[in-house]
Amino acid sequence: MKKQIPLAFALVALLFSACDPENSVIPGPPPPPTPEAGIRSVYPNAGAPGSAVAIFGENFAPTISENYVTFSSSTAEITYVNEGMLNVIVPNLADGDYEITVYTGGQVRRAPQMFTVITSKP
């Protein structure tokens, strides 16, 4: 009988610890989805290589290293970022129209209009 009492206490303790929500194996709710990034506009929409361009949108990653911008296949230097704007430097490109693409938070977004590089003086 004396051996059964400690065994009973051990079983009761096991039952209570199994009911403890901190030790539960039931998963919690999934994390919220990552908000979708988007590009609303680019200003200016034309400029020379080396000039500054602002890309306006929403849900850009919060640090420069988490964003990547291209003018067609040429990488642009990012100089400033916040959730709603990226400032970039136009890469060294020939005259022409180029598609601006932003890679951020595992998403790829394209600007709604082409950017025109103008290297010649009027």
PDB file of N, CA and C in Angstrom:
ATOM      1  N   MET A   1       0.813  -1.184   0.000  1.00  0.00           N
ATOM      2  CA  MET A   1       0.000   0.000   0.000  1.00  0.00           C
ATOM      3  C   MET A   1       0.864   1.258   0.000  1.00  0.00           C
ATOM      4  N   LYS A   2       1.973   1.252   0.770  1.00  0.00           N
ATOM      5  CA  LYS A   2       2.843   2.421   0.830  1.00  0.00           C
ATOM      6  C   LYS A   2       3.494   2.684  -0.526  1.00  0.00           C
ATOM      7  N   LYS A   3       3.776   1.660  -1.305  1.00  0.00           N
ATOM      8  CA  LYS A   3       4.388   1.837  -2.628  1.00  0.00           C
ATOM      9  C   LYS A   3       3.371   2.392  -3.626  1.00  0.00           C
ATOM     10  N   GLN A   4       2.091   2.157  -3.372  1.00  0.00           N
ATOM     11  CA  GLN A   4       1.065   2.616  -4.297  1.00  0.00           C
ATOM     12  C   GLN A   4       0.805   4.117  -4.148  1.00  0.00           C
ATOM     13  N   ILE A   5       0.997   4.693  -2.976  1.00  0.00           N
ATOM     14  CA  ILE A   5       0.737   6.119  -2.745  1.00  0.00           C
ATOM     15  C   ILE A   5       1.702   6.982  -3.565  1.00  0.00           C
ATOM     16  N   PRO A   6       3.027   6.754  -3.522  1.00  0.00           N
ATOM     17  CA  PRO A   6       3.919   7.565  -4.359  1.00  0.00           C
ATOM     18  C   PRO A   6       3.620   7.375  -5.853  1.00  0.00           C
ATOM     19  N   LEU A   7       3.259   6.183  -6.232  1.00  0.00           N
ATOM     20  CA  LEU A   7       2.910   5.922  -7.621  1.00  0.00           C
ATOM     21  C   LEU A   7       1.656   6.701  -8.009  1.00  0.00           C
ATOM     22  N   ALA A   8       0.685   6.765  -7.138  1.00  0.00           N
ATOM     23  CA  ALA A   8      -0.538   7.526  -7.395  1.00  0.00           C
ATOM     24  C   ALA A   8      -0.214   9.013  -7.525  1.00  0.00           C
ATOM     25  N   PHE A   9       0.639   9.541  -6.653  1.00  0.00           N
ATOM     26  CA  PHE A   9       1.036  10.955  -6.743  1.00  0.00           C
ATOM     27  C   PHE A   9       1.755  11.234  -8.059  1.00  0.00           C
ATOM     28  N   ALA A  10       2.612  10.319  -8.477  1.00  0.00           N
ATOM     29  CA  ALA A  10       3.337  10.492  -9.739  1.00  0.00           C
ATOM     30  C   ALA A  10       2.368  10.523 -10.919  1.00  0.00           C
ATOM     31  N   LEU A  11       1.367   9.658 -10.901  1.00  0.00           N
ATOM     32  CA  LEU A  11       0.380   9.643 -11.987  1.00  0.00           C
ATOM     33  C   LEU A  11      -0.457  10.919 -12.007  1.00  0.00           C
ATOM     34  N   VAL A  12      -0.846  11.399 -10.824  1.00  0.00           N
ATOM     35  CA  VAL A  12      -1.625  12.645 -10.742  1.00  0.00           C
ATOM     36  C   VAL A  12      -0.776  13.814 -11.244  1.00  0.00           C
ATOM     37  N   ALA A  13       0.491  13.874 -10.847  1.00  0.00           N
ATOM     38  CA  ALA A  13       1.375  14.947 -11.297  1.00  0.00           C
ATOM     39  C   ALA A  13       1.551  14.902 -12.815  1.00  0.00           C
ATOM     40  N   LEU A  14       1.679  13.713 -13.371  1.00  0.00           N
ATOM     41  CA  LEU A  14       1.799  13.545 -14.815  1.00  0.00           C
ATOM     42  C   LEU A  14       0.543  14.035 -15.531  1.00  0.00           C
ATOM     43  N   LEU A  15      -0.610  13.719 -14.990  1.00  0.00           N
ATOM     44  CA  LEU A  15      -1.866  14.173 -15.594  1.00  0.00           C
ATOM     45  C   LEU A  15      -1.967  15.698 -15.575  1.00  0.00           C
ATOM     46  N   PHE A  16      -1.607  16.327 -14.450  1.00  0.00           N
ATOM     47  CA  PHE A  16      -1.684  17.786 -14.359  1.00  0.00           C
ATOM     48  C   PHE A  16      -0.681  18.455 -15.290  1.00  0.00           C
ATOM     49  N   SER A  17       0.509  17.905 -15.407  1.00  0.00           N
ATOM     50  CA  SER A  17       1.500  18.532 -16.292  1.00  0.00           C
ATOM     51  C   SER A  17       1.100  18.360 -17.751  1.00  0.00           C
ATOM     52  N   ALA A  18       0.408  17.293 -18.064  1.00  0.00           N
ATOM     53  CA  ALA A  18      -0.058  17.087 -19.433  1.00  0.00           C
ATOM     54  C   ALA A  18      -1.161  18.072 -19.780  1.00  0.00           C
ATOM     55  N   CYS A  19      -1.883  18.562 -18.787  1.00  0.00           N
ATOM     56  CA  CYS A  19      -2.956  19.521 -19.011  1.00  0.00           C
ATOM     57  C   CYS A  19      -2.458  20.958 -18.985  1.00  0.00           C
ATOM     58  N   ASP A  20      -1.209  21.179 -18.657  1.00  0.00           N
ATOM     59  CA  ASP A  20      -0.643  22.525 -18.589  1.00  0.00           C
ATOM     60  C   ASP A  20      -0.574  23.118 -19.997  1.00  0.00           C
ATOM     61  N   PRO A  21      -1.208  24.275 -20.236  1.00  0.00           N
ATOM     62  CA  PRO A  21      -1.202  24.862 -21.578  1.00  0.00           C
ATOM     63  C   PRO A  21       0.191  25.194 -22.082  1.00  0.00           C
ATOM     64  N   GLU A  22       1.150  25.461 -21.191  1.00  0.00           N
ATOM     65  CA  GLU A  22       2.504  25.751 -21.635  1.00  0.00           C
ATOM     66  C   GLU A  22       3.187  24.518 -22.201  1.00  0.00           C
ATOM     67  N   ASN A  23       2.761  23.343 -21.774  1.00  0.00           N
ATOM     68  CA  ASN A  23       3.334  22.098 -22.276  1.00  0.00           C
ATOM     69  C   ASN A  23       2.468  21.485 -23.370  1.00  0.00           C
ATOM     70  N   SER A  24       1.496  22.195 -23.823  1.00  0.00           N
ATOM     71  CA  SER A  24       0.555  21.690 -24.807  1.00  0.00           C
ATOM     72  C   SER A  24       1.229  21.537 -26.172  1.00  0.00           C
ATOM     73  N   VAL A  25       0.804  20.556 -26.919  1.00  0.00           N
ATOM     74  CA  VAL A  25       1.319  20.340 -28.271  1.00  0.00           C
ATOM     75  C   VAL A  25       0.368  20.893 -29.321  1.00  0.00           C
ATOM     76  N   ILE A  26      -0.705  21.516 -28.889  1.00  0.00           N
ATOM     77  CA  ILE A  26      -1.652  22.102 -29.830  1.00  0.00           C
ATOM     78  C   ILE A  26      -1.042  23.399 -30.347  1.00  0.00           C
ATOM     79  N   PRO A  27      -0.870  23.527 -31.662  1.00  0.00           N
ATOM     80  CA  PRO A  27      -0.235  24.736 -32.201  1.00  0.00           C
ATOM     81  C   PRO A  27      -1.160  25.946 -32.066  1.00  0.00           C
ATOM     82  N   GLY A  28      -0.542  27.107 -31.919  1.00  0.00           N
ATOM     83  CA  GLY A  28      -1.300  28.350 -31.863  1.00  0.00           C
ATOM     84  C   GLY A  28      -1.705  28.771 -33.269  1.00  0.00           C
ATOM     85  N   PRO A  29      -2.306  29.916 -33.383  1.00  0.00           N
ATOM     86  CA  PRO A  29      -2.713  30.389 -34.699  1.00  0.00           C
ATOM     87  C   PRO A  29      -1.489  30.683 -35.562  1.00  0.00           C
ATOM     88  N   PRO A  30      -1.621  30.581 -36.867  1.00  0.00           N
ATOM     89  CA  PRO A  30      -0.478  30.872 -37.737  1.00  0.00           C
ATOM     90  C   PRO A  30      -0.143  32.355 -37.679  1.00  0.00           C
ATOM     91  N   PRO A  31       1.102  32.717 -37.989  1.00  0.00           N
ATOM     92  CA  PRO A  31       1.456  34.135 -37.983  1.00  0.00           C
ATOM     93  C   PRO A  31       0.692  34.856 -39.099  1.00  0.00           C
ATOM     94  N   PRO A  32       0.475  36.153 -38.933  1.00  0.00           N
ATOM     95  CA  PRO A  32      -0.244  36.872 -39.977  1.00  0.00           C
ATOM     96  C   PRO A  32       0.579  36.892 -41.263  1.00  0.00           C
ATOM     97  N   PRO A  33      -0.069  36.945 -42.413  1.00  0.00           N
ATOM     98  CA  PRO A  33       0.681  36.964 -43.662  1.00  0.00           C
ATOM     99  C   PRO A  33       1.476  38.265 -43.798  1.00  0.00           C
ATOM    100  N   THR A  34       2.571  38.201 -44.539  1.00  0.00           N
ATOM    101  CA  THR A  34       3.367  39.389 -44.807  1.00  0.00           C
ATOM    102  C   THR A  34       2.567  40.319 -45.701  1.00  0.00           C
ATOM    103  N   PRO A  35       2.435  41.586 -45.306  1.00  0.00           N
ATOM    104  CA  PRO A  35       1.677  42.502 -46.161  1.00  0.00           C
ATOM    105  C   PRO A  35       2.327  42.597 -47.539  1.00  0.00           C
ATOM    106  N   GLU A  36       1.504  42.700 -48.539  1.00  0.00           N
ATOM    107  CA  GLU A  36       2.010  42.735 -49.898  1.00  0.00           C
ATOM    108  C   GLU A  36       2.609  44.103 -50.208  1.00  0.00           C
ATOM    109  N   ALA A  37       3.808  44.084 -50.782  1.00  0.00           N
ATOM    110  CA  ALA A  37       4.465  45.319 -51.180  1.00  0.00           C
ATOM    111  C   ALA A  37       3.858  45.797 -52.494  1.00  0.00           C
ATOM    112  N   GLY A  38       3.965  47.072 -52.730  1.00  0.00           N
ATOM    113  CA  GLY A  38       3.452  47.607 -53.979  1.00  0.00           C
ATOM    114  C   GLY A  38       4.157  48.903 -54.339  1.00  0.00           C
ATOM    115  N   ILE A  39       4.198  49.214 -55.632  1.00  0.00           N
ATOM    116  CA  ILE A  39       4.775  50.463 -56.121  1.00  0.00           C
ATOM    117  C   ILE A  39       3.634  51.293 -56.687  1.00  0.00           C
ATOM    118  N   ARG A  40       3.466  52.510 -56.162  1.00  0.00           N
ATOM    119  CA  ARG A  40       2.438  53.421 -56.675  1.00  0.00           C
ATOM    120  C   ARG A  40       2.966  54.320 -57.777  1.00  0.00           C
ATOM    121  N   SER A  41       4.176  54.873 -57.570  1.00  0.00           N
ATOM    122  CA  SER A  41       4.712  55.809 -58.552  1.00  0.00           C
ATOM    123  C   SER A  41       6.214  55.949 -58.404  1.00  0.00           C
ATOM    124  N   VAL A  42       6.815  56.564 -59.431  1.00  0.00           N
ATOM    125  CA  VAL A  42       8.247  56.836 -59.463  1.00  0.00           C
ATOM    126  C   VAL A  42       8.405  58.312 -59.818  1.00  0.00           C
ATOM    127  N   TYR A  43       9.260  59.028 -59.060  1.00  0.00           N
ATOM    128  CA  TYR A  43       9.470  60.441 -59.354  1.00  0.00           C
ATOM    129  C   TYR A  43      10.944  60.790 -59.245  1.00  0.00           C
ATOM    130  N   PRO A  44      11.507  61.456 -60.227  1.00  0.00           N
ATOM    131  CA  PRO A  44      10.904  61.723 -61.527  1.00  0.00           C
ATOM    132  C   PRO A  44      10.845  60.446 -62.348  1.00  0.00           C
ATOM    133  N   ASN A  45      10.181  60.506 -63.487  1.00  0.00           N
ATOM    134  CA  ASN A  45      10.088  59.304 -64.336  1.00  0.00           C
ATOM    135  C   ASN A  45      11.107  59.335 -65.466  1.00  0.00           C
ATOM    136  N   ALA A  46      12.049  60.296 -65.409  1.00  0.00           N
ATOM    137  CA  ALA A  46      13.139  60.381 -66.380  1.00  0.00           C
ATOM    138  C   ALA A  46      14.326  61.045 -65.705  1.00  0.00           C
ATOM    139  N   GLY A  47      15.532  60.684 -66.138  1.00  0.00           N
ATOM    140  CA  GLY A  47      16.722  61.301 -65.569  1.00  0.00           C
ATOM    141  C   GLY A  47      17.993  60.685 -66.120  1.00  0.00           C
ATOM    142  N   ALA A  48      19.099  61.291 -65.749  1.00  0.00           N
ATOM    143  CA  ALA A  48      20.412  60.840 -66.216  1.00  0.00           C
ATOM    144  C   ALA A  48      20.992  59.816 -65.243  1.00  0.00           C
ATOM    145  N   PRO A  49      21.944  59.008 -65.726  1.00  0.00           N
ATOM    146  CA  PRO A  49      22.642  58.107 -64.808  1.00  0.00           C
ATOM    147  C   PRO A  49      23.264  58.917 -63.667  1.00  0.00           C
ATOM    148  N   GLY A  50      23.156  58.394 -62.448  1.00  0.00           N
ATOM    149  CA  GLY A  50      23.699  59.075 -61.279  1.00  0.00           C
ATOM    150  C   GLY A  50      22.696  59.977 -60.582  1.00  0.00           C
ATOM    151  N   SER A  51      21.545  60.212 -61.202  1.00  0.00           N
ATOM    152  CA  SER A  51      20.541  61.065 -60.559  1.00  0.00           C
ATOM    153  C   SER A  51      19.709  60.257 -59.571  1.00  0.00           C
ATOM    154  N   ALA A  52      19.072  60.979 -58.649  1.00  0.00           N
ATOM    155  CA  ALA A  52      18.261  60.343 -57.613  1.00  0.00           C
ATOM    156  C   ALA A  52      16.825  60.161 -58.092  1.00  0.00           C
ATOM    157  N   VAL A  53      16.234  59.032 -57.693  1.00  0.00           N
ATOM    158  CA  VAL A  53      14.846  58.712 -58.023  1.00  0.00           C
ATOM    159  C   VAL A  53      14.168  58.215 -56.755  1.00  0.00           C
ATOM    160  N   ALA A  54      12.938  58.665 -56.521  1.00  0.00           N
ATOM    161  CA  ALA A  54      12.142  58.190 -55.390  1.00  0.00           C
ATOM    162  C   ALA A  54      11.083  57.224 -55.910  1.00  0.00           C
ATOM    163  N   ILE A  55      11.006  56.071 -55.279  1.00  0.00           N
ATOM    164  CA  ILE A  55       9.991  55.062 -55.614  1.00  0.00           C
ATOM    165  C   ILE A  55       9.010  55.047 -54.454  1.00  0.00           C
ATOM    166  N   PHE A  56       7.760  55.396 -54.726  1.00  0.00           N
ATOM    167  CA  PHE A  56       6.731  55.470 -53.685  1.00  0.00           C
ATOM    168  C   PHE A  56       5.857  54.228 -53.743  1.00  0.00           C
ATOM    169  N   GLY A  57       5.542  53.695 -52.585  1.00  0.00           N
ATOM    170  CA  GLY A  57       4.701  52.500 -52.522  1.00  0.00           C
ATOM    171  C   GLY A  57       4.351  52.170 -51.095  1.00  0.00           C
ATOM    172  N   GLU A  58       4.213  50.880 -50.816  1.00  0.00           N
ATOM    173  CA  GLU A  58       3.898  50.457 -49.459  1.00  0.00           C
ATOM    174  C   GLU A  58       4.515  49.106 -49.166  1.00  0.00           C
ATOM    175  N   ASN A  59       4.790  48.919 -47.882  1.00  0.00           N
ATOM    176  CA  ASN A  59       5.298  47.655 -47.340  1.00  0.00           C
ATOM    177  C   ASN A  59       6.668  47.254 -47.871  1.00  0.00           C
ATOM    178  N   PHE A  60       7.531  48.244 -48.097  1.00  0.00           N
ATOM    179  CA  PHE A  60       8.914  47.917 -48.419  1.00  0.00           C
ATOM    180  C   PHE A  60       9.593  47.417 -47.147  1.00  0.00           C
ATOM    181  N   ALA A  61      10.606  46.579 -47.294  1.00  0.00           N
ATOM    182  CA  ALA A  61      11.351  46.090 -46.132  1.00  0.00           C
ATOM    183  C   ALA A  61      12.019  47.277 -45.428  1.00  0.00           C
ATOM    184  N   PRO A  62      12.214  47.198 -44.110  1.00  0.00           N
ATOM    185  CA  PRO A  62      12.673  48.360 -43.344  1.00  0.00           C
ATOM    186  C   PRO A  62      14.157  48.709 -43.458  1.00  0.00           C
ATOM    187  N   THR A  63      14.973  47.849 -44.038  1.00  0.00           N
ATOM    188  CA  THR A  63      16.402  48.155 -44.161  1.00  0.00           C
ATOM    189  C   THR A  63      16.837  48.078 -45.620  1.00  0.00           C
ATOM    190  N   ILE A  64      17.892  48.824 -45.934  1.00  0.00           N
ATOM    191  CA  ILE A  64      18.411  48.848 -47.310  1.00  0.00           C
ATOM    192  C   ILE A  64      18.775  47.439 -47.775  1.00  0.00           C
ATOM    193  N   SER A  65      19.425  46.668 -46.912  1.00  0.00           N
ATOM    194  CA  SER A  65      19.905  45.343 -47.313  1.00  0.00           C
ATOM    195  C   SER A  65      18.784  44.353 -47.635  1.00  0.00           C
ATOM    196  N   GLU A  66      17.556  44.634 -47.189  1.00  0.00           N
ATOM    197  CA  GLU A  66      16.428  43.741 -47.461  1.00  0.00           C
ATOM    198  C   GLU A  66      15.667  44.118 -48.735  1.00  0.00           C
ATOM    199  N   ASN A  67      16.128  45.150 -49.439  1.00  0.00           N
ATOM    200  CA  ASN A  67      15.502  45.590 -50.678  1.00  0.00           C
ATOM    201  C   ASN A  67      16.524  45.535 -51.796  1.00  0.00           C
ATOM    202  N   TYR A  68      16.038  45.355 -53.013  1.00  0.00           N
ATOM    203  CA  TYR A  68      16.902  45.268 -54.182  1.00  0.00           C
ATOM    204  C   TYR A  68      16.127  45.899 -55.331  1.00  0.00           C
ATOM    205  N   VAL A  69      16.761  46.824 -56.054  1.00  0.00           N
ATOM    206  CA  VAL A  69      16.069  47.536 -57.131  1.00  0.00           C
ATOM    207  C   VAL A  69      16.878  47.408 -58.412  1.00  0.00           C
ATOM    208  N   THR A  70      16.170  47.147 -59.516  1.00  0.00           N
ATOM    209  CA  THR A  70      16.831  47.111 -60.818  1.00  0.00           C
ATOM    210  C   THR A  70      16.119  48.034 -61.805  1.00  0.00           C
ATOM    211  N   PHE A  71      16.898  48.557 -62.741  1.00  0.00           N
ATOM    212  CA  PHE A  71      16.388  49.246 -63.921  1.00  0.00           C
ATOM    213  C   PHE A  71      16.649  48.255 -65.047  1.00  0.00           C
ATOM    214  N   SER A  72      15.614  47.559 -65.475  1.00  0.00           N
ATOM    215  CA  SER A  72      15.737  46.376 -66.335  1.00  0.00           C
ATOM    216  C   SER A  72      16.682  45.417 -65.644  1.00  0.00           C
ATOM    217  N   SER A  73      17.859  45.125 -66.196  1.00  0.00           N
ATOM    218  CA  SER A  73      18.737  44.149 -65.541  1.00  0.00           C
ATOM    219  C   SER A  73      19.886  44.796 -64.772  1.00  0.00           C
ATOM    220  N   SER A  74      19.925  46.138 -64.706  1.00  0.00           N
ATOM    221  CA  SER A  74      21.008  46.835 -63.998  1.00  0.00           C
ATOM    222  C   SER A  74      20.593  47.188 -62.569  1.00  0.00           C
ATOM    223  N   THR A  75      21.464  46.890 -61.624  1.00  0.00           N
ATOM    224  CA  THR A  75      21.180  47.140 -60.214  1.00  0.00           C
ATOM    225  C   THR A  75      21.334  48.619 -59.882  1.00  0.00           C
ATOM    226  N   ALA A  76      20.373  49.147 -59.128  1.00  0.00           N
ATOM    227  CA  ALA A  76      20.430  50.532 -58.656  1.00  0.00           C
ATOM    228  C   ALA A  76      20.905  50.546 -57.212  1.00  0.00           C
ATOM    229  N   GLU A  77      21.679  51.566 -56.862  1.00  0.00           N
ATOM    230  CA  GLU A  77      22.096  51.744 -55.474  1.00  0.00           C
ATOM    231  C   GLU A  77      20.934  52.348 -54.690  1.00  0.00           C
ATOM    232  N   ILE A  78      20.601  51.736 -53.565  1.00  0.00           N
ATOM    233  CA  ILE A  78      19.550  52.259 -52.685  1.00  0.00           C
ATOM    234  C   ILE A  78      20.232  53.127 -51.634  1.00  0.00           C
ATOM    235  N   THR A  79      19.759  54.387 -51.504  1.00  0.00           N
ATOM    236  CA  THR A  79      20.378  55.307 -50.547  1.00  0.00           C
ATOM    237  C   THR A  79      19.520  55.561 -49.314  1.00  0.00           C
ATOM    238  N   TYR A  80      18.219  55.263 -49.404  1.00  0.00           N
ATOM    239  CA  TYR A  80      17.314  55.492 -48.281  1.00  0.00           C
ATOM    240  C   TYR A  80      16.111  54.583 -48.445  1.00  0.00           C
ATOM    241  N   VAL A  81      15.580  54.134 -47.300  1.00  0.00           N
ATOM    242  CA  VAL A  81      14.386  53.293 -47.349  1.00  0.00           C
ATOM    243  C   VAL A  81      13.522  53.553 -46.127  1.00  0.00           C
ATOM    244  N   ASN A  82      12.219  53.529 -46.333  1.00  0.00           N
ATOM    245  CA  ASN A  82      11.261  53.387 -45.242  1.00  0.00           C
ATOM    246  C   ASN A  82      10.104  52.574 -45.803  1.00  0.00           C
ATOM    247  N   GLU A  83       9.090  52.334 -45.018  1.00  0.00           N
ATOM    248  CA  GLU A  83       8.009  51.445 -45.450  1.00  0.00           C
ATOM    249  C   GLU A  83       7.313  51.926 -46.724  1.00  0.00           C
ATOM    250  N   GLY A  84       7.317  53.232 -46.975  1.00  0.00           N
ATOM    251  CA  GLY A  84       6.582  53.772 -48.115  1.00  0.00           C
ATOM    252  C   GLY A  84       7.412  54.397 -49.209  1.00  0.00           C
ATOM    253  N   MET A  85       8.750  54.379 -49.078  1.00  0.00           N
ATOM    254  CA  MET A  85       9.582  55.023 -50.096  1.00  0.00           C
ATOM    255  C   MET A  85      10.980  54.422 -50.155  1.00  0.00           C
ATOM    256  N   LEU A  86      11.490  54.323 -51.370  1.00  0.00           N
ATOM    257  CA  LEU A  86      12.882  53.951 -51.594  1.00  0.00           C
ATOM    258  C   LEU A  86      13.521  55.066 -52.412  1.00  0.00           C
ATOM    259  N   ASN A  87      14.702  55.523 -52.013  1.00  0.00           N
ATOM    260  CA  ASN A  87      15.474  56.450 -52.838  1.00  0.00           C
ATOM    261  C   ASN A  87      16.601  55.648 -53.460  1.00  0.00           C
ATOM    262  N   VAL A  88      16.749  55.788 -54.784  1.00  0.00           N
ATOM    263  CA  VAL A  88      17.780  55.034 -55.497  1.00  0.00           C
ATOM    264  C   VAL A  88      18.544  55.963 -56.430  1.00  0.00           C
ATOM    265  N   ILE A  89      19.690  55.496 -56.879  1.00  0.00           N
ATOM    266  CA  ILE A  89      20.514  56.205 -57.855  1.00  0.00           C
ATOM    267  C   ILE A  89      20.397  55.465 -59.193  1.00  0.00           C
ATOM    268  N   VAL A  90      20.113  56.216 -60.249  1.00  0.00           N
ATOM    269  CA  VAL A  90      19.980  55.618 -61.579  1.00  0.00           C
ATOM    270  C   VAL A  90      21.326  55.016 -61.977  1.00  0.00           C
ATOM    271  N   PRO A  91      21.345  53.747 -62.380  1.00  0.00           N
ATOM    272  CA  PRO A  91      22.610  53.128 -62.802  1.00  0.00           C
ATOM    273  C   PRO A  91      23.117  53.736 -64.111  1.00  0.00           C
ATOM    274  N   ASN A  92      24.347  53.420 -64.452  1.00  0.00           N
ATOM    275  CA  ASN A  92      24.964  53.908 -65.685  1.00  0.00           C
ATOM    276  C   ASN A  92      24.365  53.154 -66.875  1.00  0.00           C
ATOM    277  N   LEU A  93      23.406  53.795 -67.542  1.00  0.00           N
ATOM    278  CA  LEU A  93      22.692  53.169 -68.650  1.00  0.00           C
ATOM    279  C   LEU A  93      22.656  54.101 -69.859  1.00  0.00           C
ATOM    280  N   ALA A  94      22.455  53.533 -71.021  1.00  0.00           N
ATOM    281  CA  ALA A  94      22.300  54.314 -72.249  1.00  0.00           C
ATOM    282  C   ALA A  94      20.897  54.911 -72.303  1.00  0.00           C
ATOM    283  N   ASP A  95      20.699  55.877 -73.187  1.00  0.00           N
ATOM    284  CA  ASP A  95      19.368  56.448 -73.389  1.00  0.00           C
ATOM    285  C   ASP A  95      18.367  55.331 -73.666  1.00  0.00           C
ATOM    286  N   GLY A  96      17.170  55.469 -73.101  1.00  0.00           N
ATOM    287  CA  GLY A  96      16.132  54.480 -73.367  1.00  0.00           C
ATOM    288  C   GLY A  96      15.165  54.358 -72.213  1.00  0.00           C
ATOM    289  N   ASP A  97      14.185  53.505 -72.406  1.00  0.00           N
ATOM    290  CA  ASP A  97      13.172  53.240 -71.389  1.00  0.00           C
ATOM    291  C   ASP A  97      13.520  51.955 -70.650  1.00  0.00           C
ATOM    292  N   TYR A  98      13.400  51.991 -69.332  1.00  0.00           N
ATOM    293  CA  TYR A  98      13.774  50.860 -68.495  1.00  0.00           C
ATOM    294  C   TYR A  98      12.666  50.563 -67.488  1.00  0.00           C
ATOM    295  N   GLU A  99      12.445  49.281 -67.242  1.00  0.00           N
ATOM    296  CA  GLU A  99      11.468  48.851 -66.250  1.00  0.00           C
ATOM    297  C   GLU A  99      12.135  48.845 -64.876  1.00  0.00           C
ATOM    298  N   ILE A 100      11.500  49.491 -63.889  1.00  0.00           N
ATOM    299  CA  ILE A 100      12.007  49.479 -62.513  1.00  0.00           C
ATOM    300  C   ILE A 100      11.318  48.336 -61.773  1.00  0.00           C
ATOM    301  N   THR A 101      12.138  47.496 -61.150  1.00  0.00           N
ATOM    302  CA  THR A 101      11.628  46.357 -60.382  1.00  0.00           C
ATOM    303  C   THR A 101      12.189  46.428 -58.966  1.00  0.00           C
ATOM    304  N   VAL A 102      11.312  46.217 -57.993  1.00  0.00           N
ATOM    305  CA  VAL A 102      11.716  46.196 -56.584  1.00  0.00           C
ATOM    306  C   VAL A 102      11.528  44.776 -56.059  1.00  0.00           C
ATOM    307  N   TYR A 103      12.580  44.245 -55.441  1.00  0.00           N
ATOM    308  CA  TYR A 103      12.546  42.943 -54.781  1.00  0.00           C
ATOM    309  C   TYR A 103      12.581  43.231 -53.285  1.00  0.00           C
ATOM    310  N   THR A 104      11.531  42.857 -52.563  1.00  0.00           N
ATOM    311  CA  THR A 104      11.445  43.168 -51.141  1.00  0.00           C
ATOM    312  C   THR A 104      10.610  42.116 -50.419  1.00  0.00           C
ATOM    313  N   GLY A 105      11.099  41.647 -49.297  1.00  0.00           N
ATOM    314  CA  GLY A 105      10.348  40.689 -48.491  1.00  0.00           C
ATOM    315  C   GLY A 105       9.903  39.453 -49.252  1.00  0.00           C
ATOM    316  N   GLY A 106      10.742  38.966 -50.156  1.00  0.00           N
ATOM    317  CA  GLY A 106      10.398  37.785 -50.950  1.00  0.00           C
ATOM    318  C   GLY A 106       9.395  38.069 -52.063  1.00  0.00           C
ATOM    319  N   GLN A 107       9.110  39.324 -52.304  1.00  0.00           N
ATOM    320  CA  GLN A 107       8.147  39.703 -53.338  1.00  0.00           C
ATOM    321  C   GLN A 107       8.852  40.478 -54.452  1.00  0.00           C
ATOM    322  N   VAL A 108       8.270  40.430 -55.630  1.00  0.00           N
ATOM    323  CA  VAL A 108       8.785  41.170 -56.784  1.00  0.00           C
ATOM    324  C   VAL A 108       7.680  42.097 -57.259  1.00  0.00           C
ATOM    325  N   ARG A 109       7.992  43.389 -57.347  1.00  0.00           N
ATOM    326  CA  ARG A 109       7.002  44.368 -57.796  1.00  0.00           C
ATOM    327  C   ARG A 109       7.603  45.249 -58.865  1.00  0.00           C
ATOM    328  N   ARG A 110       6.809  45.533 -59.894  1.00  0.00           N
ATOM    329  CA  ARG A 110       7.259  46.374 -60.999  1.00  0.00           C
ATOM    330  C   ARG A 110       6.543  47.716 -60.953  1.00  0.00           C
ATOM    331  N   ALA A 111       7.281  48.770 -61.309  1.00  0.00           N
ATOM    332  CA  ALA A 111       6.700  50.113 -61.327  1.00  0.00           C
ATOM    333  C   ALA A 111       5.620  50.170 -62.407  1.00  0.00           C
ATOM    334  N   PRO A 112       4.595  51.006 -62.193  1.00  0.00           N
ATOM    335  CA  PRO A 112       3.507  51.083 -63.165  1.00  0.00           C
ATOM    336  C   PRO A 112       3.892  51.764 -64.477  1.00  0.00           C
ATOM    337  N   GLN A 113       5.040  52.455 -64.505  1.00  0.00           N
ATOM    338  CA  GLN A 113       5.472  53.091 -65.750  1.00  0.00           C
ATOM    339  C   GLN A 113       6.964  52.863 -65.953  1.00  0.00           C
ATOM    340  N   MET A 114       7.401  53.017 -67.196  1.00  0.00           N
ATOM    341  CA  MET A 114       8.819  52.872 -67.516  1.00  0.00           C
ATOM    342  C   MET A 114       9.566  54.127 -67.053  1.00  0.00           C
ATOM    343  N   PHE A 115      10.865  53.974 -66.807  1.00  0.00           N
ATOM    344  CA  PHE A 115      11.730  55.096 -66.483  1.00  0.00           C
ATOM    345  C   PHE A 115      12.574  55.377 -67.718  1.00  0.00           C
ATOM    346  N   THR A 116      12.674  56.642 -68.104  1.00  0.00           N
ATOM    347  CA  THR A 116      13.436  57.033 -69.286  1.00  0.00           C
ATOM    348  C   THR A 116      14.787  57.596 -68.864  1.00  0.00           C
ATOM    349  N   VAL A 117      15.851  56.949 -69.324  1.00  0.00           N
ATOM    350  CA  VAL A 117      17.208  57.455 -69.087  1.00  0.00           C
ATOM    351  C   VAL A 117      17.563  58.396 -70.225  1.00  0.00           C
ATOM    352  N   ILE A 118      18.021  59.604 -69.862  1.00  0.00           N
ATOM    353  CA  ILE A 118      18.398  60.623 -70.845  1.00  0.00           C
ATOM    354  C   ILE A 118      19.830  61.024 -70.545  1.00  0.00           C
ATOM    355  N   THR A 119      20.751  60.656 -71.430  1.00  0.00           N
ATOM    356  CA  THR A 119      22.162  61.005 -71.207  1.00  0.00           C
ATOM    357  C   THR A 119      22.586  62.197 -72.050  1.00  0.00           C
ATOM    358  N   SER A 120      21.892  62.448 -73.149  1.00  0.00           N
ATOM    359  CA  SER A 120      22.264  63.558 -74.025  1.00  0.00           C
ATOM    360  C   SER A 120      21.664  64.864 -73.527  1.00  0.00           C
ATOM    361  N   LYS A 121      22.380  65.959 -73.757  1.00  0.00           N
ATOM    362  CA  LYS A 121      21.869  67.272 -73.361  1.00  0.00           C
ATOM    363  C   LYS A 121      21.079  67.856 -74.528  1.00  0.00           C
ATOM    364  N   PRO A 122      19.976  68.559 -74.234  1.00  0.00           N
ATOM    365  CA  PRO A 122      19.147  69.112 -75.323  1.00  0.00           C
ATOM    366  C   PRO A 122      19.819  70.210 -76.090  1.00  0.00           C
TER     367      PRO A 122
END
